[in-house]
Amino acid sequence: MNTGKLLIGFGLILVIIGGYITLGGKFPPLGRLPGDIIHRGENITFYFPITTMVIISILLNLIFRLLR
């Protein structure tokens, strides 16, 4: 694997983590975003984090494309 691509990938991961830590108080945490479906019944709670899954999928897709 090309060392340059590996360093860019690690750098992007660090930037994303640093941005989340820095701006973490201003944005809802992953799993509690608008678009995540939560249905609470009497005896059951159904949770489907669709927005969170889309965001994670996009981020992983970008990282893997850079490392390719």
PDB file of N, CA and C in Angstrom:
ATOM      1  N   MET A   1       0.851  -1.173   0.000  1.00  0.00           N
ATOM      2  CA  MET A   1       0.000   0.000   0.000  1.00  0.00           C
ATOM      3  C   MET A   1       0.897   1.237   0.000  1.00  0.00           C
ATOM      4  N   ASN A   2       0.450   2.250  -0.668  1.00  0.00           N
ATOM      5  CA  ASN A   2       1.190   3.494  -0.751  1.00  0.00           C
ATOM      6  C   ASN A   2       1.181   4.195   0.610  1.00  0.00           C
ATOM      7  N   THR A   3       2.354   4.557   1.092  1.00  0.00           N
ATOM      8  CA  THR A   3       2.483   5.182   2.410  1.00  0.00           C
ATOM      9  C   THR A   3       1.769   6.527   2.452  1.00  0.00           C
ATOM     10  N   GLY A   4       1.782   7.259   1.360  1.00  0.00           N
ATOM     11  CA  GLY A   4       1.116   8.562   1.315  1.00  0.00           C
ATOM     12  C   GLY A   4      -0.381   8.451   1.540  1.00  0.00           C
ATOM     13  N   LYS A   5      -1.000   7.472   0.886  1.00  0.00           N
ATOM     14  CA  LYS A   5      -2.440   7.276   1.064  1.00  0.00           C
ATOM     15  C   LYS A   5      -2.766   6.862   2.494  1.00  0.00           C
ATOM     16  N   LEU A   6      -1.914   6.054   3.078  1.00  0.00           N
ATOM     17  CA  LEU A   6      -2.125   5.623   4.453  1.00  0.00           C
ATOM     18  C   LEU A   6      -2.053   6.812   5.407  1.00  0.00           C
ATOM     19  N   LEU A   7      -1.076   7.681   5.211  1.00  0.00           N
ATOM     20  CA  LEU A   7      -0.953   8.868   6.059  1.00  0.00           C
ATOM     21  C   LEU A   7      -2.133   9.821   5.879  1.00  0.00           C
ATOM     22  N   ILE A   8      -2.606   9.974   4.645  1.00  0.00           N
ATOM     23  CA  ILE A   8      -3.775  10.817   4.401  1.00  0.00           C
ATOM     24  C   ILE A   8      -4.996  10.234   5.095  1.00  0.00           C
ATOM     25  N   GLY A   9      -5.171   8.931   5.015  1.00  0.00           N
ATOM     26  CA  GLY A   9      -6.305   8.278   5.682  1.00  0.00           C
ATOM     27  C   GLY A   9      -6.275   8.481   7.184  1.00  0.00           C
ATOM     28  N   PHE A  10      -5.113   8.257   7.798  1.00  0.00           N
ATOM     29  CA  PHE A  10      -5.003   8.464   9.242  1.00  0.00           C
ATOM     30  C   PHE A  10      -5.217   9.927   9.604  1.00  0.00           C
ATOM     31  N   GLY A  11      -4.715  10.832   8.762  1.00  0.00           N
ATOM     32  CA  GLY A  11      -4.911  12.258   9.009  1.00  0.00           C
ATOM     33  C   GLY A  11      -6.376  12.643   8.962  1.00  0.00           C
ATOM     34  N   LEU A  12      -7.114  12.111   7.986  1.00  0.00           N
ATOM     35  CA  LEU A  12      -8.548  12.399   7.899  1.00  0.00           C
ATOM     36  C   LEU A  12      -9.302  11.855   9.102  1.00  0.00           C
ATOM     37  N   ILE A  13      -8.930  10.666   9.533  1.00  0.00           N
ATOM     38  CA  ILE A  13      -9.576  10.094  10.715  1.00  0.00           C
ATOM     39  C   ILE A  13      -9.324  10.978  11.928  1.00  0.00           C
ATOM     40  N   LEU A  14      -8.096  11.461  12.095  1.00  0.00           N
ATOM     41  CA  LEU A  14      -7.782  12.339  13.222  1.00  0.00           C
ATOM     42  C   LEU A  14      -8.521  13.670  13.131  1.00  0.00           C
ATOM     43  N   VAL A  15      -8.668  14.214  11.922  1.00  0.00           N
ATOM     44  CA  VAL A  15      -9.407  15.467  11.747  1.00  0.00           C
ATOM     45  C   VAL A  15     -10.878  15.274  12.105  1.00  0.00           C
ATOM     46  N   ILE A  16     -11.459  14.166  11.688  1.00  0.00           N
ATOM     47  CA  ILE A  16     -12.866  13.893  12.000  1.00  0.00           C
ATOM     48  C   ILE A  16     -13.056  13.725  13.500  1.00  0.00           C
ATOM     49  N   ILE A  17     -12.190  12.970  14.139  1.00  0.00           N
ATOM     50  CA  ILE A  17     -12.290  12.775  15.589  1.00  0.00           C
ATOM     51  C   ILE A  17     -12.076  14.095  16.320  1.00  0.00           C
ATOM     52  N   GLY A  18     -11.085  14.880  15.900  1.00  0.00           N
ATOM     53  CA  GLY A  18     -10.827  16.170  16.534  1.00  0.00           C
ATOM     54  C   GLY A  18     -11.985  17.136  16.357  1.00  0.00           C
ATOM     55  N   GLY A  19     -12.571  17.164  15.175  1.00  0.00           N
ATOM     56  CA  GLY A  19     -13.735  18.026  14.936  1.00  0.00           C
ATOM     57  C   GLY A  19     -14.924  17.620  15.778  1.00  0.00           C
ATOM     58  N   TYR A  20     -15.121  16.329  15.924  1.00  0.00           N
ATOM     59  CA  TYR A  20     -16.239  15.850  16.740  1.00  0.00           C
ATOM     60  C   TYR A  20     -16.025  16.202  18.208  1.00  0.00           C
ATOM     61  N   ILE A  21     -14.792  16.083  18.681  1.00  0.00           N
ATOM     62  CA  ILE A  21     -14.504  16.425  20.075  1.00  0.00           C
ATOM     63  C   ILE A  21     -14.664  17.927  20.293  1.00  0.00           C
ATOM     64  N   THR A  22     -14.163  18.725  19.360  1.00  0.00           N
ATOM     65  CA  THR A  22     -14.237  20.179  19.495  1.00  0.00           C
ATOM     66  C   THR A  22     -15.667  20.693  19.401  1.00  0.00           C
ATOM     67  N   LEU A  23     -16.420  20.201  18.443  1.00  0.00           N
ATOM     68  CA  LEU A  23     -17.779  20.682  18.216  1.00  0.00           C
ATOM     69  C   LEU A  23     -18.829  19.757  18.806  1.00  0.00           C
ATOM     70  N   GLY A  24     -18.425  18.810  19.610  1.00  0.00           N
ATOM     71  CA  GLY A  24     -19.328  17.793  20.139  1.00  0.00           C
ATOM     72  C   GLY A  24     -20.493  18.341  20.930  1.00  0.00           C
ATOM     73  N   GLY A  25     -20.309  19.438  21.627  1.00  0.00           N
ATOM     74  CA  GLY A  25     -21.393  20.000  22.413  1.00  0.00           C
ATOM     75  C   GLY A  25     -22.435  20.720  21.581  1.00  0.00           C
ATOM     76  N   LYS A  26     -22.093  21.079  20.343  1.00  0.00           N
ATOM     77  CA  LYS A  26     -23.001  21.849  19.499  1.00  0.00           C
ATOM     78  C   LYS A  26     -23.893  20.974  18.631  1.00  0.00           C
ATOM     79  N   PHE A  27     -23.509  19.736  18.449  1.00  0.00           N
ATOM     80  CA  PHE A  27     -24.265  18.821  17.604  1.00  0.00           C
ATOM     81  C   PHE A  27     -24.753  17.644  18.439  1.00  0.00           C
ATOM     82  N   PRO A  28     -25.919  17.101  18.096  1.00  0.00           N
ATOM     83  CA  PRO A  28     -26.365  15.912  18.831  1.00  0.00           C
ATOM     84  C   PRO A  28     -25.434  14.745  18.545  1.00  0.00           C
ATOM     85  N   PRO A  29     -25.215  13.880  19.521  1.00  0.00           N
ATOM     86  CA  PRO A  29     -24.318  12.746  19.296  1.00  0.00           C
ATOM     87  C   PRO A  29     -24.909  11.765  18.283  1.00  0.00           C
ATOM     88  N   LEU A  30     -24.034  10.997  17.673  1.00  0.00           N
ATOM     89  CA  LEU A  30     -24.508   9.988  16.728  1.00  0.00           C
ATOM     90  C   LEU A  30     -25.462   9.048  17.439  1.00  0.00           C
ATOM     91  N   GLY A  31     -26.542   8.716  16.780  1.00  0.00           N
ATOM     92  CA  GLY A  31     -27.560   7.876  17.385  1.00  0.00           C
ATOM     93  C   GLY A  31     -28.737   8.679  17.899  1.00  0.00           C
ATOM     94  N   ARG A  32     -28.600   9.987  17.958  1.00  0.00           N
ATOM     95  CA  ARG A  32     -29.691  10.848  18.414  1.00  0.00           C
ATOM     96  C   ARG A  32     -29.913  11.993  17.434  1.00  0.00           C
ATOM     97  N   LEU A  33     -29.676  11.743  16.164  1.00  0.00           N
ATOM     98  CA  LEU A  33     -29.814  12.760  15.134  1.00  0.00           C
ATOM     99  C   LEU A  33     -31.256  12.840  14.650  1.00  0.00           C
ATOM    100  N   PRO A  34     -31.639  13.992  14.068  1.00  0.00           N
ATOM    101  CA  PRO A  34     -32.958  14.056  13.430  1.00  0.00           C
ATOM    102  C   PRO A  34     -33.004  13.042  12.286  1.00  0.00           C
ATOM    103  N   GLY A  35     -34.050  12.301  12.190  1.00  0.00           N
ATOM    104  CA  GLY A  35     -34.159  11.263  11.179  1.00  0.00           C
ATOM    105  C   GLY A  35     -33.967   9.868  11.739  1.00  0.00           C
ATOM    106  N   ASP A  36     -33.410   9.763  12.935  1.00  0.00           N
ATOM    107  CA  ASP A  36     -33.328   8.470  13.609  1.00  0.00           C
ATOM    108  C   ASP A  36     -34.712   8.151  14.165  1.00  0.00           C
ATOM    109  N   ILE A  37     -35.184   6.968  13.886  1.00  0.00           N
ATOM    110  CA  ILE A  37     -36.550   6.592  14.246  1.00  0.00           C
ATOM    111  C   ILE A  37     -36.554   5.884  15.597  1.00  0.00           C
ATOM    112  N   ILE A  38     -37.352   6.415  16.520  1.00  0.00           N
ATOM    113  CA  ILE A  38     -37.531   5.790  17.831  1.00  0.00           C
ATOM    114  C   ILE A  38     -39.030   5.683  18.078  1.00  0.00           C
ATOM    115  N   HIS A  39     -39.493   4.475  18.302  1.00  0.00           N
ATOM    116  CA  HIS A  39     -40.904   4.254  18.614  1.00  0.00           C
ATOM    117  C   HIS A  39     -40.982   3.549  19.962  1.00  0.00           C
ATOM    118  N   ARG A  40     -41.637   4.182  20.900  1.00  0.00           N
ATOM    119  CA  ARG A  40     -41.788   3.595  22.231  1.00  0.00           C
ATOM    120  C   ARG A  40     -43.243   3.192  22.435  1.00  0.00           C
ATOM    121  N   GLY A  41     -43.442   1.910  22.659  1.00  0.00           N
ATOM    122  CA  GLY A  41     -44.764   1.390  22.968  1.00  0.00           C
ATOM    123  C   GLY A  41     -44.844   1.064  24.447  1.00  0.00           C
ATOM    124  N   GLU A  42     -45.883   0.361  24.834  1.00  0.00           N
ATOM    125  CA  GLU A  42     -46.041  -0.001  26.242  1.00  0.00           C
ATOM    126  C   GLU A  42     -44.960  -0.976  26.697  1.00  0.00           C
ATOM    127  N   ASN A  43     -44.720  -2.008  25.901  1.00  0.00           N
ATOM    128  CA  ASN A  43     -43.777  -3.051  26.305  1.00  0.00           C
ATOM    129  C   ASN A  43     -42.567  -3.173  25.382  1.00  0.00           C
ATOM    130  N   ILE A  44     -42.444  -2.271  24.425  1.00  0.00           N
ATOM    131  CA  ILE A  44     -41.368  -2.417  23.449  1.00  0.00           C
ATOM    132  C   ILE A  44     -40.854  -1.040  23.028  1.00  0.00           C
ATOM    133  N   THR A  45     -39.571  -0.987  22.729  1.00  0.00           N
ATOM    134  CA  THR A  45     -38.964   0.207  22.157  1.00  0.00           C
ATOM    135  C   THR A  45     -38.251  -0.215  20.881  1.00  0.00           C
ATOM    136  N   PHE A  46     -38.613   0.422  19.771  1.00  0.00           N
ATOM    137  CA  PHE A  46     -38.010   0.133  18.471  1.00  0.00           C
ATOM    138  C   PHE A  46     -37.132   1.313  18.092  1.00  0.00           C
ATOM    139  N   TYR A  47     -35.870   1.042  17.788  1.00  0.00           N
ATOM    140  CA  TYR A  47     -34.912   2.087  17.458  1.00  0.00           C
ATOM    141  C   TYR A  47     -34.256   1.758  16.127  1.00  0.00           C
ATOM    142  N   PHE A  48     -34.341   2.679  15.166  1.00  0.00           N
ATOM    143  CA  PHE A  48     -33.751   2.496  13.842  1.00  0.00           C
ATOM    144  C   PHE A  48     -32.983   3.766  13.474  1.00  0.00           C
ATOM    145  N   PRO A  49     -31.657   3.782  13.673  1.00  0.00           N
ATOM    146  CA  PRO A  49     -30.856   4.999  13.453  1.00  0.00           C
ATOM    147  C   PRO A  49     -30.484   5.208  11.983  1.00  0.00           C
ATOM    148  N   ILE A  50     -31.468   5.535  11.150  1.00  0.00           N
ATOM    149  CA  ILE A  50     -31.223   5.622   9.710  1.00  0.00           C
ATOM    150  C   ILE A  50     -30.272   6.765   9.349  1.00  0.00           C
ATOM    151  N   THR A  51     -30.434   7.936   9.943  1.00  0.00           N
ATOM    152  CA  THR A  51     -29.559   9.067   9.631  1.00  0.00           C
ATOM    153  C   THR A  51     -28.129   8.781  10.073  1.00  0.00           C
ATOM    154  N   THR A  52     -27.978   8.210  11.238  1.00  0.00           N
ATOM    155  CA  THR A  52     -26.650   7.869  11.740  1.00  0.00           C
ATOM    156  C   THR A  52     -25.973   6.859  10.819  1.00  0.00           C
ATOM    157  N   MET A  53     -26.727   5.869  10.353  1.00  0.00           N
ATOM    158  CA  MET A  53     -26.150   4.864   9.460  1.00  0.00           C
ATOM    159  C   MET A  53     -25.718   5.475   8.131  1.00  0.00           C
ATOM    160  N   VAL A  54     -26.488   6.428   7.612  1.00  0.00           N
ATOM    161  CA  VAL A  54     -26.133   7.078   6.350  1.00  0.00           C
ATOM    162  C   VAL A  54     -24.844   7.884   6.512  1.00  0.00           C
ATOM    163  N   ILE A  55     -24.722   8.635   7.611  1.00  0.00           N
ATOM    164  CA  ILE A  55     -23.522   9.445   7.850  1.00  0.00           C
ATOM    165  C   ILE A  55     -22.290   8.554   8.004  1.00  0.00           C
ATOM    166  N   ILE A  56     -22.406   7.496   8.780  1.00  0.00           N
ATOM    167  CA  ILE A  56     -21.273   6.584   8.966  1.00  0.00           C
ATOM    168  C   ILE A  56     -20.900   5.915   7.647  1.00  0.00           C
ATOM    169  N   SER A  57     -21.891   5.553   6.842  1.00  0.00           N
ATOM    170  CA  SER A  57     -21.630   4.931   5.549  1.00  0.00           C
ATOM    171  C   SER A  57     -20.884   5.880   4.618  1.00  0.00           C
ATOM    172  N   ILE A  58     -21.284   7.138   4.586  1.00  0.00           N
ATOM    173  CA  ILE A  58     -20.609   8.117   3.732  1.00  0.00           C
ATOM    174  C   ILE A  58     -19.165   8.321   4.184  1.00  0.00           C
ATOM    175  N   LEU A  59     -18.949   8.468   5.490  1.00  0.00           N
ATOM    176  CA  LEU A  59     -17.594   8.665   6.007  1.00  0.00           C
ATOM    177  C   LEU A  59     -16.698   7.463   5.712  1.00  0.00           C
ATOM    178  N   LEU A  60     -17.200   6.256   5.947  1.00  0.00           N
ATOM    179  CA  LEU A  60     -16.402   5.060   5.661  1.00  0.00           C
ATOM    180  C   LEU A  60     -16.115   4.923   4.169  1.00  0.00           C
ATOM    181  N   ASN A  61     -17.098   5.257   3.336  1.00  0.00           N
ATOM    182  CA  ASN A  61     -16.906   5.193   1.895  1.00  0.00           C
ATOM    183  C   ASN A  61     -15.797   6.149   1.455  1.00  0.00           C
ATOM    184  N   LEU A  62     -15.798   7.374   1.976  1.00  0.00           N
ATOM    185  CA  LEU A  62     -14.751   8.338   1.626  1.00  0.00           C
ATOM    186  C   LEU A  62     -13.375   7.865   2.085  1.00  0.00           C
ATOM    187  N   ILE A  63     -13.296   7.338   3.295  1.00  0.00           N
ATOM    188  CA  ILE A  63     -12.015   6.862   3.821  1.00  0.00           C
ATOM    189  C   ILE A  63     -11.484   5.698   2.989  1.00  0.00           C
ATOM    190  N   PHE A  64     -12.357   4.733   2.673  1.00  0.00           N
ATOM    191  CA  PHE A  64     -11.906   3.577   1.899  1.00  0.00           C
ATOM    192  C   PHE A  64     -11.525   3.953   0.465  1.00  0.00           C
ATOM    193  N   ARG A  65     -12.199   4.941  -0.118  1.00  0.00           N
ATOM    194  CA  ARG A  65     -11.833   5.378  -1.470  1.00  0.00           C
ATOM    195  C   ARG A  65     -10.467   6.048  -1.478  1.00  0.00           C
ATOM    196  N   LEU A  66     -10.157   6.790  -0.404  1.00  0.00           N
ATOM    197  CA  LEU A  66      -8.844   7.421  -0.331  1.00  0.00           C
ATOM    198  C   LEU A  66      -7.734   6.399  -0.125  1.00  0.00           C
ATOM    199  N   LEU A  67      -8.031   5.330   0.588  1.00  0.00           N
ATOM    200  CA  LEU A  67      -7.024   4.313   0.872  1.00  0.00           C
ATOM    201  C   LEU A  67      -6.859   3.316  -0.271  1.00  0.00           C
ATOM    202  N   ARG A  68      -7.722   3.367  -1.260  1.00  0.00           N
ATOM    203  CA  ARG A  68      -7.662   2.420  -2.367  1.00  0.00           C
ATOM    204  C   ARG A  68      -6.512   2.682  -3.248  1.00  0.00           C
TER     205      ARG A  68
END
